Protein backbone atom coordinates (compact mmCIF):
# COMPACT_ATOMS: atom_id res chain seq x y z
CA UNK A 1 159.01 44.76 77.69
CA UNK A 2 157.47 47.52 79.53
CA UNK A 3 156.91 46.79 83.43
CA UNK A 4 153.33 46.54 84.37
CA UNK A 5 153.76 49.06 87.10
CA UNK A 6 154.23 51.91 84.92
CA UNK A 7 154.83 54.13 88.02
CA UNK A 8 158.57 52.87 88.19
CA UNK A 9 159.35 52.91 84.54
CA UNK A 10 162.14 55.03 83.30
CA UNK A 11 159.58 57.05 81.44
CA UNK A 12 157.52 58.13 84.65
CA UNK A 13 160.85 58.60 86.56
CA UNK A 14 161.95 60.99 83.70
CA UNK A 15 158.65 62.85 83.53
CA UNK A 16 158.00 62.90 87.20
CA UNK A 17 157.92 66.75 87.12
CA UNK A 18 155.23 67.01 84.75
CA UNK A 19 153.17 65.12 87.09
CA UNK A 20 154.12 67.07 90.09
CA UNK A 21 150.78 68.17 92.23
CA UNK A 22 152.01 71.95 92.15
CA UNK A 23 152.50 71.90 88.69
CA UNK A 24 149.16 70.19 87.89
CA UNK A 25 147.66 72.60 90.32
CA UNK A 26 148.99 75.41 88.41
CA UNK A 27 147.64 73.96 84.92
CA UNK A 28 144.12 73.90 86.75
CA UNK A 29 144.43 77.49 87.85
CA UNK A 30 145.49 78.88 84.63
CA UNK A 31 143.15 76.62 82.69
CA UNK A 32 145.91 75.81 80.38
CA UNK A 33 143.73 72.82 78.92
CA UNK A 34 140.28 74.64 79.18
CA UNK A 35 139.48 73.95 75.43
CA UNK A 36 141.94 71.15 74.53
CA UNK A 37 140.12 68.04 73.49
CA UNK A 38 143.06 65.65 72.50
CA UNK A 39 146.67 66.88 73.24
CA UNK A 40 146.76 68.18 76.80
CA UNK A 41 149.48 70.22 77.96
CA UNK A 42 151.56 67.43 79.84
CA UNK A 43 151.13 65.24 76.54
CA UNK A 44 152.39 68.03 74.54
CA UNK A 45 155.47 68.64 76.89
CA UNK A 46 156.41 65.08 77.16
CA UNK A 47 156.01 64.53 73.24
CA UNK A 48 158.29 67.43 72.47
CA UNK A 49 160.55 66.71 75.15
CA UNK A 50 161.16 63.12 73.69
CA UNK A 51 161.46 64.85 70.41
CA UNK A 52 164.11 66.99 71.71
CA UNK A 53 166.09 63.89 73.20
CA UNK A 54 165.73 62.03 70.03
CA UNK A 55 166.75 65.13 67.80
CA UNK A 56 163.56 64.73 65.58
CA UNK A 57 163.57 67.13 63.00
CA UNK A 58 160.08 68.01 62.08
CA UNK A 59 156.58 67.93 63.47
CA UNK A 60 155.81 65.05 61.15
CA UNK A 61 158.59 63.03 62.77
CA UNK A 62 157.01 63.75 66.21
CA UNK A 63 153.52 62.63 64.84
CA UNK A 64 154.99 59.48 63.55
CA UNK A 65 156.61 58.71 66.67
CA UNK A 66 153.23 57.49 68.26
CA UNK A 67 153.35 54.56 65.96
CA UNK A 68 155.48 53.19 68.77
CA UNK A 69 152.87 51.31 70.69
CA UNK A 70 154.87 51.66 74.07
CA UNK A 71 154.94 55.18 73.58
CA UNK A 72 151.39 55.71 72.52
CA UNK A 73 150.27 53.74 75.64
CA UNK A 74 152.32 55.67 78.37
CA UNK A 75 151.28 58.94 76.76
CA UNK A 76 147.62 57.67 76.52
CA UNK A 77 147.63 59.08 73.11
CA UNK A 78 146.87 56.89 70.03
CA UNK A 79 147.82 59.53 67.41
CA UNK A 80 148.07 63.07 66.62
CA UNK A 81 148.69 65.34 63.78
CA UNK A 82 151.48 67.73 62.90
CA UNK A 83 149.08 70.45 62.57
CA UNK A 84 147.70 69.71 66.07
CA UNK A 85 150.88 69.82 67.79
CA UNK A 86 151.77 73.05 65.67
CA UNK A 87 148.67 74.82 67.13
CA UNK A 88 149.35 73.72 70.70
CA UNK A 89 152.98 75.03 70.38
CA UNK A 90 151.69 78.17 69.00
CA UNK A 91 148.86 78.76 71.51
CA UNK A 92 150.49 77.54 74.61
CA UNK A 93 151.64 80.45 77.13
CA UNK A 94 155.29 80.10 77.68
CA UNK A 95 154.71 80.83 81.23
CA UNK A 96 153.55 77.29 81.55
CA UNK A 97 156.70 75.65 80.58
CA UNK A 98 158.49 78.20 82.77
CA UNK A 99 156.52 76.95 85.57
CA UNK A 100 157.66 73.53 84.97
CA UNK A 101 161.37 74.73 84.54
CA UNK A 102 160.99 76.54 88.00
CA UNK A 103 159.27 73.22 89.57
CA UNK A 104 162.07 70.98 88.30
CA UNK A 105 164.75 73.31 89.39
CA UNK A 106 163.16 73.44 92.92
CA UNK A 107 163.30 69.59 92.95
CA UNK A 108 166.99 69.24 92.13
CA UNK A 109 167.78 72.01 94.54
CA UNK A 110 166.16 69.91 97.15
CA UNK A 111 167.92 66.74 96.21
CA UNK A 112 171.42 68.45 95.74
CA UNK A 113 170.91 70.48 98.97
CA UNK A 114 170.89 74.22 98.85
CA UNK A 115 173.95 74.43 101.03
CA UNK A 116 176.01 72.52 98.49
CA UNK A 117 174.90 75.13 95.92
CA UNK A 118 176.59 78.08 98.02
CA UNK A 119 179.98 76.90 97.38
CA UNK A 120 181.25 78.32 100.63
CA UNK A 121 181.46 81.89 98.90
CA UNK A 122 177.68 82.44 98.61
CA UNK A 123 175.44 81.12 95.68
CA UNK A 124 177.05 81.46 92.35
CA UNK A 125 175.14 82.50 89.20
CA UNK A 126 176.51 82.70 85.65
CA UNK A 127 175.03 84.94 83.16
CA UNK A 128 175.26 85.03 79.28
CA UNK A 129 173.28 84.77 76.22
CA UNK A 130 173.62 82.92 73.16
CA UNK A 131 172.20 83.52 69.53
CA UNK A 132 170.14 81.10 67.42
CA UNK A 133 170.15 81.90 63.88
CA UNK A 134 166.83 81.74 61.88
CA UNK A 135 165.63 82.36 58.32
CA UNK A 136 164.24 85.84 58.09
CA UNK A 137 161.62 84.98 55.29
CA UNK A 138 160.15 82.55 57.73
CA UNK A 139 160.80 84.27 61.14
CA UNK A 140 160.07 88.18 60.06
CA UNK A 141 159.58 88.99 63.74
CA UNK A 142 163.20 87.99 64.64
CA UNK A 143 164.86 90.56 62.35
CA UNK A 144 168.45 90.60 63.23
CA UNK A 145 170.54 91.71 60.23
CA UNK A 146 169.07 92.76 56.80
CA UNK A 147 169.31 89.30 55.47
CA UNK A 148 169.38 87.23 58.66
CA UNK A 149 167.08 86.60 61.52
CA UNK A 150 167.91 85.37 65.12
CA UNK A 151 166.78 85.00 68.55
CA UNK A 152 168.71 85.26 71.88
CA UNK A 153 168.45 82.97 74.67
CA UNK A 154 169.54 85.10 77.60
CA UNK A 155 170.27 82.77 80.56
CA UNK A 156 171.13 82.49 84.28
CA UNK A 157 172.85 79.30 85.26
CA UNK A 158 173.14 78.22 89.06
CA UNK A 159 176.53 76.90 89.53
CA UNK A 160 177.77 74.40 91.97
CA UNK A 161 180.18 71.78 92.50
CA UNK A 162 179.49 69.15 89.82
CA UNK A 163 177.51 71.03 87.50
CA UNK A 164 175.31 73.73 86.51
CA UNK A 165 171.42 74.20 86.26
CA UNK A 166 169.35 76.57 84.44
CA UNK A 167 167.69 79.10 86.83
CA UNK A 168 166.14 81.59 84.69
CA UNK A 169 165.73 82.23 80.81
CA UNK A 170 164.54 85.07 78.95
CA UNK A 171 164.14 84.94 74.97
CA UNK A 172 164.21 87.88 72.89
CA UNK A 173 165.05 88.84 69.20
CA UNK A 174 168.63 88.79 68.83
CA UNK A 175 168.98 92.80 68.03
CA UNK A 176 168.69 94.37 71.47
CA UNK A 177 171.92 94.21 73.61
CA UNK A 178 172.65 91.80 76.30
CA UNK A 179 172.68 94.36 78.91
CA UNK A 180 168.99 95.26 78.28
CA UNK A 181 168.20 92.01 80.22
CA UNK A 182 170.29 92.73 83.11
CA UNK A 183 167.09 93.64 85.41
CA UNK A 184 165.68 90.16 84.47
CA UNK A 185 168.69 88.10 85.23
CA UNK A 186 171.01 89.74 88.10
CA UNK A 187 170.03 88.20 91.44
CA UNK A 188 169.60 91.14 94.04
CA UNK A 189 170.37 89.01 97.09
CA UNK A 190 173.13 89.55 99.47
CA UNK A 191 174.60 85.90 99.39
CA UNK A 192 174.54 85.92 95.61
CA UNK A 193 177.53 86.40 93.26
CA UNK A 194 176.60 87.32 89.73
CA UNK A 195 179.11 86.50 87.13
CA UNK A 196 178.90 87.90 83.62
CA UNK A 197 181.15 89.10 80.47
CA UNK A 198 181.80 92.47 79.07
CA UNK A 199 178.83 92.46 77.26
CA UNK A 200 176.69 93.40 80.26
CA UNK A 201 178.85 96.36 81.60
CA UNK A 202 176.95 99.39 82.48
CA UNK A 203 178.37 101.92 85.00
CA UNK A 204 174.83 102.98 85.93
CA UNK A 205 173.46 99.57 87.00
CA UNK A 206 177.02 98.97 88.57
CA UNK A 207 176.53 101.90 90.88
CA UNK A 208 173.27 100.91 91.84
CA UNK A 209 174.38 97.35 92.51
CA UNK A 210 177.04 98.70 94.86
CA UNK A 211 174.71 100.84 96.87
CA UNK A 212 172.46 98.08 96.96
CA UNK A 213 174.94 95.54 98.15
CA UNK A 214 174.67 93.43 95.15
CA UNK A 215 177.79 91.62 94.39
CA UNK A 216 179.04 90.89 90.68
CA UNK A 217 182.23 89.74 88.89
CA UNK A 218 182.84 90.67 85.25
CA UNK A 219 185.66 91.43 82.89
CA UNK A 220 186.78 95.15 82.19
CA UNK A 221 186.50 96.66 78.61
CA UNK A 222 190.04 97.59 77.10
CA UNK A 223 188.96 101.13 76.49
CA UNK A 224 187.68 101.65 80.13
CA UNK A 225 188.79 104.87 81.87
CA UNK A 226 190.19 103.71 85.18
CA UNK A 227 191.21 106.00 87.98
CA UNK A 228 193.25 103.77 90.51
CA UNK A 229 192.78 104.92 94.18
CA UNK A 230 194.72 102.26 96.23
CA UNK A 231 196.82 99.36 95.63
CA UNK A 232 195.99 96.13 97.53
CA UNK A 233 198.53 93.58 98.54
CA UNK A 234 199.19 90.64 96.20
CA UNK A 235 200.83 87.19 97.05
CA UNK A 236 204.20 87.23 94.85
CA UNK A 237 203.78 83.48 94.30
CA UNK A 238 200.14 83.75 92.66
CA UNK A 239 198.80 84.26 89.20
CA UNK A 240 197.50 87.59 90.39
CA UNK A 241 199.42 90.54 88.83
CA UNK A 242 197.65 93.46 90.69
CA UNK A 243 194.72 94.15 92.80
CA UNK A 244 193.64 97.76 93.44
CA UNK A 245 190.63 99.82 94.17
CA UNK A 246 189.37 101.83 91.44
CA UNK A 247 186.74 104.27 89.93
CA UNK A 248 185.64 103.89 86.37
CA UNK A 249 184.40 106.29 83.79
CA UNK A 250 185.11 110.14 83.48
CA UNK A 251 183.07 113.15 83.88
CA UNK A 252 179.40 112.80 84.39
CA UNK A 253 179.80 109.00 83.35
CA UNK A 254 182.29 108.53 86.49
CA UNK A 255 181.06 105.82 88.76
CA UNK A 256 180.28 107.13 92.41
CA UNK A 257 181.18 103.65 94.03
CA UNK A 258 184.60 102.01 94.12
CA UNK A 259 185.61 98.46 92.78
CA UNK A 260 188.04 96.04 92.57
CA UNK A 261 190.26 95.80 89.55
CA UNK A 262 192.32 92.51 89.40
CA UNK A 263 194.85 91.67 86.93
CA UNK A 264 195.71 88.00 86.05
CA UNK A 265 196.36 85.91 82.98
CA UNK A 266 194.70 83.08 81.04
CA UNK A 267 196.27 79.53 80.33
CA UNK A 268 198.26 81.21 77.53
CA UNK A 269 199.74 84.02 79.56
CA UNK A 270 197.64 86.68 78.07
CA UNK A 271 196.49 89.48 80.73
CA UNK A 272 192.73 88.95 81.93
CA UNK A 273 191.21 92.26 83.68
CA UNK A 274 188.56 91.37 86.09
CA UNK A 275 186.31 93.60 87.90
CA UNK A 276 184.33 93.09 91.03
CA UNK A 277 182.25 94.74 93.84
CA UNK A 278 183.28 92.18 96.38
CA UNK A 279 185.94 93.33 98.45
CA UNK A 280 185.71 90.49 101.00
CA UNK A 281 186.65 87.49 98.90
CA UNK A 282 190.58 86.80 98.33
CA UNK A 283 191.77 87.80 94.62
CA UNK A 284 192.62 84.09 93.90
CA UNK A 285 188.93 83.16 94.86
CA UNK A 286 187.83 86.01 92.50
CA UNK A 287 189.88 84.81 89.66
CA UNK A 288 188.83 81.14 90.18
CA UNK A 289 185.05 82.13 90.05
CA UNK A 290 185.24 84.19 86.97
CA UNK A 291 187.22 81.33 85.20
CA UNK A 292 184.02 79.02 85.83
CA UNK A 293 182.21 81.55 83.88
CA UNK A 294 183.07 79.44 80.77
CA UNK A 295 180.69 76.77 82.09
CA UNK A 296 177.61 78.53 80.62
CA UNK A 297 179.56 78.64 77.16
CA UNK A 298 180.02 74.75 77.51
CA UNK A 299 176.23 74.62 78.41
CA UNK A 300 175.01 76.33 75.43
CA UNK A 301 177.30 74.22 73.39
CA UNK A 302 175.78 71.13 75.17
CA UNK A 303 172.25 71.88 74.47
CA UNK A 304 172.93 73.20 70.90
CA UNK A 305 174.60 69.72 69.94
CA UNK A 306 172.52 67.25 71.99
CA UNK A 307 168.93 68.73 71.97
CA UNK A 308 166.98 69.66 68.73
CA UNK A 309 167.04 73.26 68.52
CA UNK A 310 168.79 73.40 65.34
CA UNK A 311 165.36 72.74 63.50
CA UNK A 312 162.46 74.71 65.08
CA UNK A 313 158.82 73.23 65.29
CA UNK A 314 157.05 76.35 64.87
CA UNK A 315 157.29 79.90 63.06
CA UNK A 316 155.45 81.96 65.58
CA UNK A 317 157.60 83.79 68.62
CA UNK A 318 155.57 81.82 71.04
CA UNK A 319 156.20 78.44 69.31
CA UNK A 320 160.05 79.16 69.22
CA UNK A 321 159.98 80.05 72.88
CA UNK A 322 158.01 77.02 74.04
CA UNK A 323 160.40 74.96 72.12
CA UNK A 324 163.40 76.49 73.76
CA UNK A 325 161.85 76.41 77.25
CA UNK A 326 161.04 72.80 76.91
CA UNK A 327 164.52 72.13 75.86
CA UNK A 328 165.84 73.76 79.22
CA UNK A 329 163.18 71.69 81.32
CA UNK A 330 164.33 68.53 79.66
CA UNK A 331 167.94 69.18 80.59
CA UNK A 332 166.71 69.84 84.18
CA UNK A 333 164.82 66.35 83.76
CA UNK A 334 167.80 64.58 82.58
CA UNK A 335 169.89 65.94 85.72
CA UNK A 336 167.15 64.87 87.95
CA UNK A 337 167.21 61.17 86.57
CA UNK A 338 170.94 61.28 87.13
CA UNK A 339 170.49 62.27 90.60
CA UNK A 340 167.94 59.62 91.34
CA UNK A 341 170.05 57.03 89.72
CA UNK A 342 173.12 58.26 91.89
CA UNK A 343 175.04 58.40 88.71
CA UNK A 344 178.47 60.47 88.78
CA UNK A 345 179.22 59.95 85.07
CA UNK A 346 178.46 62.49 82.11
CA UNK A 347 174.94 63.56 81.69
CA UNK A 348 175.54 62.53 77.96
CA UNK A 349 175.69 58.93 78.87
CA UNK A 350 172.06 59.23 80.73
CA UNK A 351 170.73 60.69 77.50
CA UNK A 352 171.98 57.84 75.26
CA UNK A 353 171.02 55.11 77.47
CA UNK A 354 167.32 56.50 77.74
CA UNK A 355 166.92 55.79 73.97
CA UNK A 356 166.81 52.19 74.62
CA UNK A 357 165.52 52.00 78.15
CA UNK A 358 162.82 54.22 78.35
CA UNK A 359 160.13 51.82 78.66
CA UNK A 360 162.05 49.55 81.04
CA UNK A 361 161.67 49.64 84.81
CA UNK A 362 163.89 52.15 86.41
CA UNK A 363 165.78 49.59 88.34
CA UNK A 364 166.79 48.07 85.27
CA UNK A 365 168.03 51.64 83.73
CA UNK A 366 170.08 52.19 87.00
CA UNK A 367 171.78 48.91 86.75
CA UNK A 368 172.64 49.46 83.01
CA UNK A 369 173.94 53.09 83.80
CA UNK A 370 176.15 51.78 86.83
CA UNK A 371 177.12 48.79 85.08
CA UNK A 372 181.11 48.36 84.78
CA UNK A 373 182.27 47.22 81.21
CA UNK A 374 183.75 44.01 81.15
CA UNK A 375 185.94 44.89 78.16
CA UNK A 376 189.55 45.45 79.48
CA UNK A 377 191.30 46.78 76.42
CA UNK A 378 191.85 50.31 75.82
CA UNK A 379 190.22 50.27 72.44
CA UNK A 380 189.60 53.47 70.48
CA UNK A 381 191.29 56.49 72.20
CA UNK A 382 188.72 58.75 73.68
CA UNK A 383 188.57 62.68 73.13
CA UNK A 384 190.66 64.70 75.29
CA UNK A 385 187.99 66.81 77.08
CA UNK A 386 190.03 69.12 78.87
CA UNK A 387 191.78 70.22 75.59
CA UNK A 388 188.15 70.69 73.96
CA UNK A 389 187.60 72.87 76.99
CA UNK A 390 190.88 74.72 76.90
CA UNK A 391 190.25 75.43 73.03
CA UNK A 392 186.83 76.77 73.93
CA UNK A 393 188.22 79.26 76.42
CA UNK A 394 190.78 80.31 73.90
CA UNK A 395 188.26 80.98 71.29
CA UNK A 396 185.93 82.78 73.71
CA UNK A 397 188.83 84.96 74.98
CA UNK A 398 190.28 85.84 71.74
CA UNK A 399 186.90 86.92 70.32
CA UNK A 400 186.85 83.77 67.88
CA UNK A 401 183.50 82.62 69.42
CA UNK A 402 180.92 83.76 66.83
CA UNK A 403 180.99 79.96 65.14
CA UNK A 404 179.62 78.59 68.59
CA UNK A 405 176.47 80.49 68.22
CA UNK A 406 176.14 79.37 64.48
CA UNK A 407 173.84 76.39 64.17
CA UNK A 408 175.82 75.22 61.23
CA UNK A 409 178.65 74.47 63.18
CA UNK A 410 178.94 71.08 64.68
CA UNK A 411 181.28 70.84 67.64
CA UNK A 412 182.90 67.82 68.93
CA UNK A 413 180.98 65.86 71.52
CA UNK A 414 182.18 66.70 74.88
């Protein structure tokens, strides 16, 4: 039974960012609802976000969800057709959802504390992309191969102790190279450390970053031409095999600025060559920071498994962008609920409990979320999350991660 004071319901706590005064003011200034008669922007976002959480496969499923009287009441929406939802997704500017994502991100930052996000070495941002396969006949604007369509979600994650948070996203057709989005994703601030993989290696950009004081950590391509200038001391007892100052490239393509080249090894004893513009952090710190880059791989894996992006709700580029941006915003709203509940367990548990407690008072939701199970037996053995993580790292390191971007692939729950 829904609490009479809906302002304290779990639903309202989840969607508090959509009613933030700054976001509502943005909607007013941009006239996002100027010609809207029935399905407002806030209603659309909440409806699609719930569809993501429930992993509803189609617009018709979303439309039918309003047969739930409690949902219809909290949305103040008796009914809406699939075609009306489709038109709103197609016509709404993705900048509106990006504004919501930005607002939710700032609120989480305030709750966590920006000092906590600096990790003692500056703010850490993880940069990567993930490919989402599409049917070329239905999405001709997203041509990728002769018989295949796809889009790329280029993402910058803010990494902090205890999790990661979407910070900036760019959605493009999959054909352009990842490094074409470096200007949009790399943070050009002194206290920031940008972490990305070999797909973003660009000597000209690296020279610009070094001259501007922009810090980055990446991996070196195996065919790179390296001119070693000076060897730096290495602790004999550490996993760091070498640390040296180098120049990359040859001839007219040779870099003007020096970089650090570190050699360490992965969990299987295979060599890993790391490149960085940071000369102040220790080699062990650089190695540990780059190892955390796999958190963005796990983030992509999580949203592909637990949000509805396997089945897109629209065929236009704008509709696809809106759905993906709403998925990222929904992740942030889930994270905010977790923080409000002071819950330290997995985010997946929060998502699952919302299914049954959405219209209950938030105090009831928090009580259930933090409830200690009375069952004392070990029961069915749980999955080894660490083993799954290590296997994911091994696959990516060995170049066997293409299946992680394939929507047919159904990974284990982590």
